[in-house]
Amino acid sequence: MSYTHIDPRELVTKLSSLGEDEMIVDVREPHEWEYYHLDEAVLLPMNAIPGRLDELPSDKTLYVVCAHGVRSEMVSRYLAERGYDRVVNVTGGMAAVAAIRGFEYD
């Protein structure tokens, strides 16, 4: 019952080679998503996760991202506690990803 972490730079590098067995889950709110998001990600707000677990495949690596890494940490823990064993928290969140990609996000 654990999860791992990935540096946002590693995630940005990985974007061009995401496999069929990997999924980026953005747990921010829709207004945050509209401001800036990764095209490869699926929006699934944190508060919706308990009622939508069936949308998260347990046979894929799930990269969980939020704005700064706090919500994604909580969601990663929540998923691990429910038996998901391929959960990866994106440290620093979209703020760090945006900075790496040259976009200001606050």
N, C-alpha and C. Protein backbone atom coordinates (compact mmCIF):
# COMPACT_ATOMS: atom_id res chain seq x y z
N MET A 1 0.85 -1.18 0.00
CA MET A 1 0.00 0.00 0.00
C MET A 1 0.89 1.25 0.00
N SER A 2 1.49 1.51 -1.15
CA SER A 2 2.34 2.69 -1.24
C SER A 2 2.28 3.25 -2.66
N TYR A 3 2.90 4.37 -2.81
CA TYR A 3 2.98 5.03 -4.11
C TYR A 3 4.36 5.65 -4.22
N THR A 4 4.71 6.07 -5.41
CA THR A 4 6.02 6.68 -5.61
C THR A 4 5.84 8.12 -6.05
N HIS A 5 6.95 8.78 -6.32
CA HIS A 5 6.95 10.17 -6.75
C HIS A 5 7.75 10.30 -8.04
N ILE A 6 7.41 11.31 -8.82
CA ILE A 6 8.18 11.63 -10.00
C ILE A 6 8.43 13.14 -10.01
N ASP A 7 9.60 13.49 -10.40
CA ASP A 7 9.97 14.89 -10.55
C ASP A 7 9.23 15.44 -11.78
N PRO A 8 8.76 16.69 -11.74
CA PRO A 8 8.02 17.23 -12.88
C PRO A 8 8.85 17.24 -14.17
N ARG A 9 10.15 17.41 -14.05
CA ARG A 9 11.01 17.38 -15.25
C ARG A 9 10.97 15.99 -15.90
N GLU A 10 10.96 14.96 -15.07
CA GLU A 10 10.86 13.59 -15.59
C GLU A 10 9.53 13.38 -16.29
N LEU A 11 8.47 13.92 -15.72
CA LEU A 11 7.15 13.78 -16.34
C LEU A 11 7.13 14.48 -17.70
N VAL A 12 7.65 15.68 -17.77
CA VAL A 12 7.68 16.42 -19.04
C VAL A 12 8.46 15.64 -20.09
N THR A 13 9.56 15.05 -19.71
CA THR A 13 10.34 14.23 -20.64
C THR A 13 9.54 13.01 -21.09
N LYS A 14 8.79 12.44 -20.19
CA LYS A 14 8.01 11.23 -20.46
C LYS A 14 6.80 11.48 -21.37
N LEU A 15 6.34 12.72 -21.47
CA LEU A 15 5.11 13.02 -22.22
C LEU A 15 5.15 12.50 -23.66
N SER A 16 6.30 12.57 -24.29
CA SER A 16 6.38 12.16 -25.69
C SER A 16 6.38 10.65 -25.87
N SER A 17 6.48 9.91 -24.76
CA SER A 17 6.54 8.46 -24.89
C SER A 17 5.61 7.73 -23.93
N LEU A 18 4.51 8.37 -23.55
CA LEU A 18 3.55 7.70 -22.67
C LEU A 18 3.02 6.45 -23.35
N GLY A 19 3.01 5.36 -22.60
CA GLY A 19 2.52 4.10 -23.15
C GLY A 19 1.04 3.90 -22.89
N GLU A 20 0.51 2.86 -23.48
CA GLU A 20 -0.90 2.51 -23.30
C GLU A 20 -1.19 2.11 -21.85
N ASP A 21 -0.14 1.74 -21.13
CA ASP A 21 -0.31 1.32 -19.75
C ASP A 21 -0.03 2.44 -18.76
N GLU A 22 -0.08 3.69 -19.24
CA GLU A 22 0.16 4.85 -18.39
C GLU A 22 -0.94 5.88 -18.60
N MET A 23 -1.26 6.63 -17.54
CA MET A 23 -2.33 7.62 -17.59
C MET A 23 -1.99 8.78 -16.66
N ILE A 24 -2.17 10.01 -17.14
CA ILE A 24 -1.98 11.19 -16.29
C ILE A 24 -3.36 11.63 -15.81
N VAL A 25 -3.51 11.73 -14.50
CA VAL A 25 -4.78 12.11 -13.89
C VAL A 25 -4.58 13.47 -13.22
N ASP A 26 -5.29 14.47 -13.73
CA ASP A 26 -5.23 15.82 -13.19
C ASP A 26 -6.37 15.98 -12.21
N VAL A 27 -6.05 16.20 -10.94
CA VAL A 27 -7.09 16.23 -9.90
C VAL A 27 -7.48 17.65 -9.49
N ARG A 28 -7.13 18.63 -10.33
CA ARG A 28 -7.53 20.02 -10.05
C ARG A 28 -9.00 20.23 -10.42
N GLU A 29 -9.47 21.42 -10.20
CA GLU A 29 -10.85 21.79 -10.54
C GLU A 29 -10.92 22.24 -12.00
N PRO A 30 -12.11 22.19 -12.61
CA PRO A 30 -12.26 22.57 -14.02
C PRO A 30 -11.71 23.96 -14.36
N HIS A 31 -11.90 24.95 -13.49
CA HIS A 31 -11.39 26.29 -13.81
C HIS A 31 -9.86 26.31 -13.85
N GLU A 32 -9.21 25.47 -13.05
CA GLU A 32 -7.75 25.38 -13.09
C GLU A 32 -7.31 24.69 -14.38
N TRP A 33 -8.02 23.66 -14.76
CA TRP A 33 -7.75 22.91 -15.98
C TRP A 33 -7.84 23.82 -17.21
N GLU A 34 -8.87 24.66 -17.23
CA GLU A 34 -9.06 25.56 -18.37
C GLU A 34 -7.92 26.55 -18.51
N TYR A 35 -7.33 26.94 -17.41
CA TYR A 35 -6.23 27.90 -17.43
C TYR A 35 -4.99 27.29 -18.08
N TYR A 36 -4.64 26.07 -17.68
CA TYR A 36 -3.48 25.39 -18.22
C TYR A 36 -3.58 23.91 -17.88
N HIS A 37 -3.34 23.06 -18.87
CA HIS A 37 -3.34 21.62 -18.62
C HIS A 37 -2.49 20.89 -19.65
N LEU A 38 -2.22 19.66 -19.37
CA LEU A 38 -1.52 18.79 -20.30
C LEU A 38 -2.55 18.09 -21.17
N ASP A 39 -2.35 18.13 -22.48
CA ASP A 39 -3.30 17.49 -23.39
C ASP A 39 -3.38 15.98 -23.14
N GLU A 40 -2.31 15.41 -22.62
CA GLU A 40 -2.27 13.97 -22.37
C GLU A 40 -3.03 13.56 -21.11
N ALA A 41 -3.44 14.53 -20.31
CA ALA A 41 -4.07 14.24 -19.01
C ALA A 41 -5.58 14.10 -19.12
N VAL A 42 -6.13 13.44 -18.11
CA VAL A 42 -7.57 13.30 -17.94
C VAL A 42 -7.94 14.08 -16.69
N LEU A 43 -8.95 14.95 -16.79
CA LEU A 43 -9.40 15.72 -15.63
C LEU A 43 -10.34 14.88 -14.78
N LEU A 44 -9.99 14.74 -13.52
CA LEU A 44 -10.81 14.02 -12.56
C LEU A 44 -10.61 14.71 -11.20
N PRO A 45 -11.40 15.77 -10.93
CA PRO A 45 -11.20 16.55 -9.71
C PRO A 45 -11.16 15.69 -8.45
N MET A 46 -10.31 16.10 -7.53
CA MET A 46 -10.07 15.35 -6.30
C MET A 46 -11.35 14.91 -5.60
N ASN A 47 -12.28 15.81 -5.43
CA ASN A 47 -13.51 15.47 -4.70
C ASN A 47 -14.40 14.48 -5.44
N ALA A 48 -14.16 14.31 -6.73
CA ALA A 48 -14.95 13.36 -7.52
C ALA A 48 -14.36 11.95 -7.50
N ILE A 49 -13.13 11.81 -7.08
CA ILE A 49 -12.43 10.53 -7.13
C ILE A 49 -13.20 9.39 -6.45
N PRO A 50 -13.68 9.54 -5.21
CA PRO A 50 -14.35 8.40 -4.56
C PRO A 50 -15.53 7.85 -5.36
N GLY A 51 -16.28 8.70 -6.00
CA GLY A 51 -17.44 8.23 -6.77
C GLY A 51 -17.11 7.81 -8.19
N ARG A 52 -15.86 8.00 -8.60
CA ARG A 52 -15.49 7.68 -9.98
C ARG A 52 -14.28 6.76 -10.07
N LEU A 53 -14.05 5.99 -9.03
CA LEU A 53 -12.91 5.07 -9.03
C LEU A 53 -12.94 4.11 -10.22
N ASP A 54 -14.13 3.78 -10.69
CA ASP A 54 -14.24 2.86 -11.82
C ASP A 54 -13.63 3.44 -13.10
N GLU A 55 -13.36 4.73 -13.13
CA GLU A 55 -12.74 5.36 -14.29
C GLU A 55 -11.22 5.28 -14.25
N LEU A 56 -10.69 4.82 -13.14
CA LEU A 56 -9.24 4.72 -12.98
C LEU A 56 -8.81 3.25 -13.05
N PRO A 57 -8.20 2.87 -14.15
CA PRO A 57 -7.80 1.47 -14.30
C PRO A 57 -6.68 1.08 -13.34
N SER A 58 -6.84 -0.04 -12.69
CA SER A 58 -5.83 -0.50 -11.74
C SER A 58 -4.65 -1.16 -12.43
N ASP A 59 -4.76 -1.40 -13.73
CA ASP A 59 -3.67 -2.05 -14.46
C ASP A 59 -2.79 -1.06 -15.22
N LYS A 60 -2.95 0.24 -14.93
CA LYS A 60 -2.12 1.26 -15.56
C LYS A 60 -1.34 2.01 -14.49
N THR A 61 -0.22 2.58 -14.89
CA THR A 61 0.50 3.49 -14.01
C THR A 61 -0.23 4.83 -14.06
N LEU A 62 -0.64 5.33 -12.91
CA LEU A 62 -1.39 6.58 -12.81
C LEU A 62 -0.47 7.67 -12.29
N TYR A 63 -0.19 8.68 -13.12
CA TYR A 63 0.58 9.84 -12.71
C TYR A 63 -0.43 10.88 -12.24
N VAL A 64 -0.42 11.20 -10.95
CA VAL A 64 -1.41 12.09 -10.37
C VAL A 64 -0.79 13.47 -10.20
N VAL A 65 -1.48 14.48 -10.76
CA VAL A 65 -0.96 15.85 -10.73
C VAL A 65 -2.05 16.81 -10.28
N CYS A 66 -1.64 17.86 -9.57
CA CYS A 66 -2.55 18.94 -9.17
C CYS A 66 -1.83 20.26 -9.42
N ALA A 67 -2.15 21.29 -8.68
CA ALA A 67 -1.52 22.59 -8.91
C ALA A 67 -0.10 22.66 -8.36
N HIS A 68 0.08 22.21 -7.12
CA HIS A 68 1.39 22.33 -6.48
C HIS A 68 1.88 21.04 -5.82
N GLY A 69 1.11 19.99 -5.88
CA GLY A 69 1.54 18.71 -5.34
C GLY A 69 0.88 18.27 -4.05
N VAL A 70 0.04 19.11 -3.49
CA VAL A 70 -0.60 18.77 -2.21
C VAL A 70 -1.80 17.84 -2.43
N ARG A 71 -2.71 18.24 -3.29
CA ARG A 71 -3.89 17.39 -3.56
C ARG A 71 -3.49 16.07 -4.20
N SER A 72 -2.52 16.13 -5.11
CA SER A 72 -2.10 14.89 -5.77
C SER A 72 -1.48 13.92 -4.76
N GLU A 73 -0.80 14.44 -3.77
CA GLU A 73 -0.24 13.60 -2.70
C GLU A 73 -1.37 12.89 -1.95
N MET A 74 -2.42 13.63 -1.62
CA MET A 74 -3.56 13.05 -0.90
C MET A 74 -4.28 12.01 -1.76
N VAL A 75 -4.47 12.32 -3.04
CA VAL A 75 -5.14 11.37 -3.94
C VAL A 75 -4.27 10.13 -4.14
N SER A 76 -2.98 10.31 -4.28
CA SER A 76 -2.07 9.17 -4.44
C SER A 76 -2.18 8.23 -3.24
N ARG A 77 -2.18 8.80 -2.06
CA ARG A 77 -2.32 8.00 -0.83
C ARG A 77 -3.67 7.28 -0.82
N TYR A 78 -4.73 8.02 -1.16
CA TYR A 78 -6.08 7.45 -1.19
C TYR A 78 -6.15 6.26 -2.15
N LEU A 79 -5.59 6.42 -3.34
CA LEU A 79 -5.63 5.34 -4.32
C LEU A 79 -4.81 4.14 -3.86
N ALA A 80 -3.64 4.40 -3.28
CA ALA A 80 -2.81 3.30 -2.78
C ALA A 80 -3.54 2.53 -1.68
N GLU A 81 -4.25 3.24 -0.83
CA GLU A 81 -5.01 2.59 0.24
C GLU A 81 -6.14 1.73 -0.30
N ARG A 82 -6.56 1.99 -1.52
CA ARG A 82 -7.64 1.22 -2.14
C ARG A 82 -7.12 0.17 -3.11
N GLY A 83 -5.85 -0.13 -3.03
CA GLY A 83 -5.30 -1.23 -3.79
C GLY A 83 -4.63 -0.89 -5.11
N TYR A 84 -4.60 0.37 -5.49
CA TYR A 84 -3.89 0.76 -6.71
C TYR A 84 -2.40 0.70 -6.39
N ASP A 85 -1.66 -0.12 -7.13
CA ASP A 85 -0.25 -0.29 -6.80
C ASP A 85 0.70 0.35 -7.81
N ARG A 86 0.15 1.08 -8.78
CA ARG A 86 0.99 1.76 -9.76
C ARG A 86 0.64 3.25 -9.79
N VAL A 87 0.74 3.88 -8.63
CA VAL A 87 0.39 5.29 -8.47
C VAL A 87 1.67 6.11 -8.29
N VAL A 88 1.75 7.21 -9.05
CA VAL A 88 2.93 8.07 -9.00
C VAL A 88 2.48 9.52 -8.81
N ASN A 89 2.90 10.12 -7.70
CA ASN A 89 2.59 11.52 -7.43
C ASN A 89 3.59 12.41 -8.15
N VAL A 90 3.08 13.46 -8.84
CA VAL A 90 3.95 14.42 -9.52
C VAL A 90 4.26 15.54 -8.52
N THR A 91 5.50 15.57 -8.03
CA THR A 91 5.89 16.58 -7.05
C THR A 91 5.94 17.95 -7.71
N GLY A 92 5.50 18.96 -7.00
CA GLY A 92 5.52 20.32 -7.53
C GLY A 92 4.33 20.68 -8.39
N GLY A 93 3.59 19.69 -8.86
CA GLY A 93 2.36 19.91 -9.61
C GLY A 93 2.51 20.66 -10.91
N MET A 94 1.38 21.18 -11.39
CA MET A 94 1.34 21.86 -12.67
C MET A 94 2.13 23.17 -12.65
N ALA A 95 2.30 23.77 -11.49
CA ALA A 95 3.12 24.98 -11.40
C ALA A 95 4.54 24.66 -11.84
N ALA A 96 5.08 23.54 -11.37
CA ALA A 96 6.43 23.14 -11.75
C ALA A 96 6.49 22.69 -13.21
N VAL A 97 5.49 21.94 -13.65
CA VAL A 97 5.45 21.50 -15.05
C VAL A 97 5.38 22.71 -15.98
N ALA A 98 4.55 23.67 -15.64
CA ALA A 98 4.40 24.87 -16.47
C ALA A 98 5.71 25.66 -16.53
N ALA A 99 6.39 25.76 -15.41
CA ALA A 99 7.66 26.49 -15.38
C ALA A 99 8.69 25.82 -16.29
N ILE A 100 8.73 24.50 -16.27
CA ILE A 100 9.65 23.74 -17.12
C ILE A 100 9.32 23.95 -18.59
N ARG A 101 8.03 24.03 -18.88
CA ARG A 101 7.59 24.20 -20.27
C ARG A 101 7.53 25.66 -20.70
N GLY A 102 7.91 26.58 -19.81
CA GLY A 102 7.97 27.99 -20.16
C GLY A 102 6.65 28.74 -20.13
N PHE A 103 5.75 28.31 -19.25
CA PHE A 103 4.45 28.94 -19.11
C PHE A 103 4.29 29.34 -17.65
N GLU A 104 3.90 30.57 -17.39
CA GLU A 104 3.71 31.00 -16.01
C GLU A 104 2.36 30.52 -15.50
N TYR A 105 2.40 29.83 -14.39
CA TYR A 105 1.21 29.29 -13.76
C TYR A 105 1.30 29.58 -12.27
N ASP A 106 0.23 30.08 -11.71
CA ASP A 106 0.24 30.36 -10.27
C ASP A 106 -0.98 29.79 -9.62
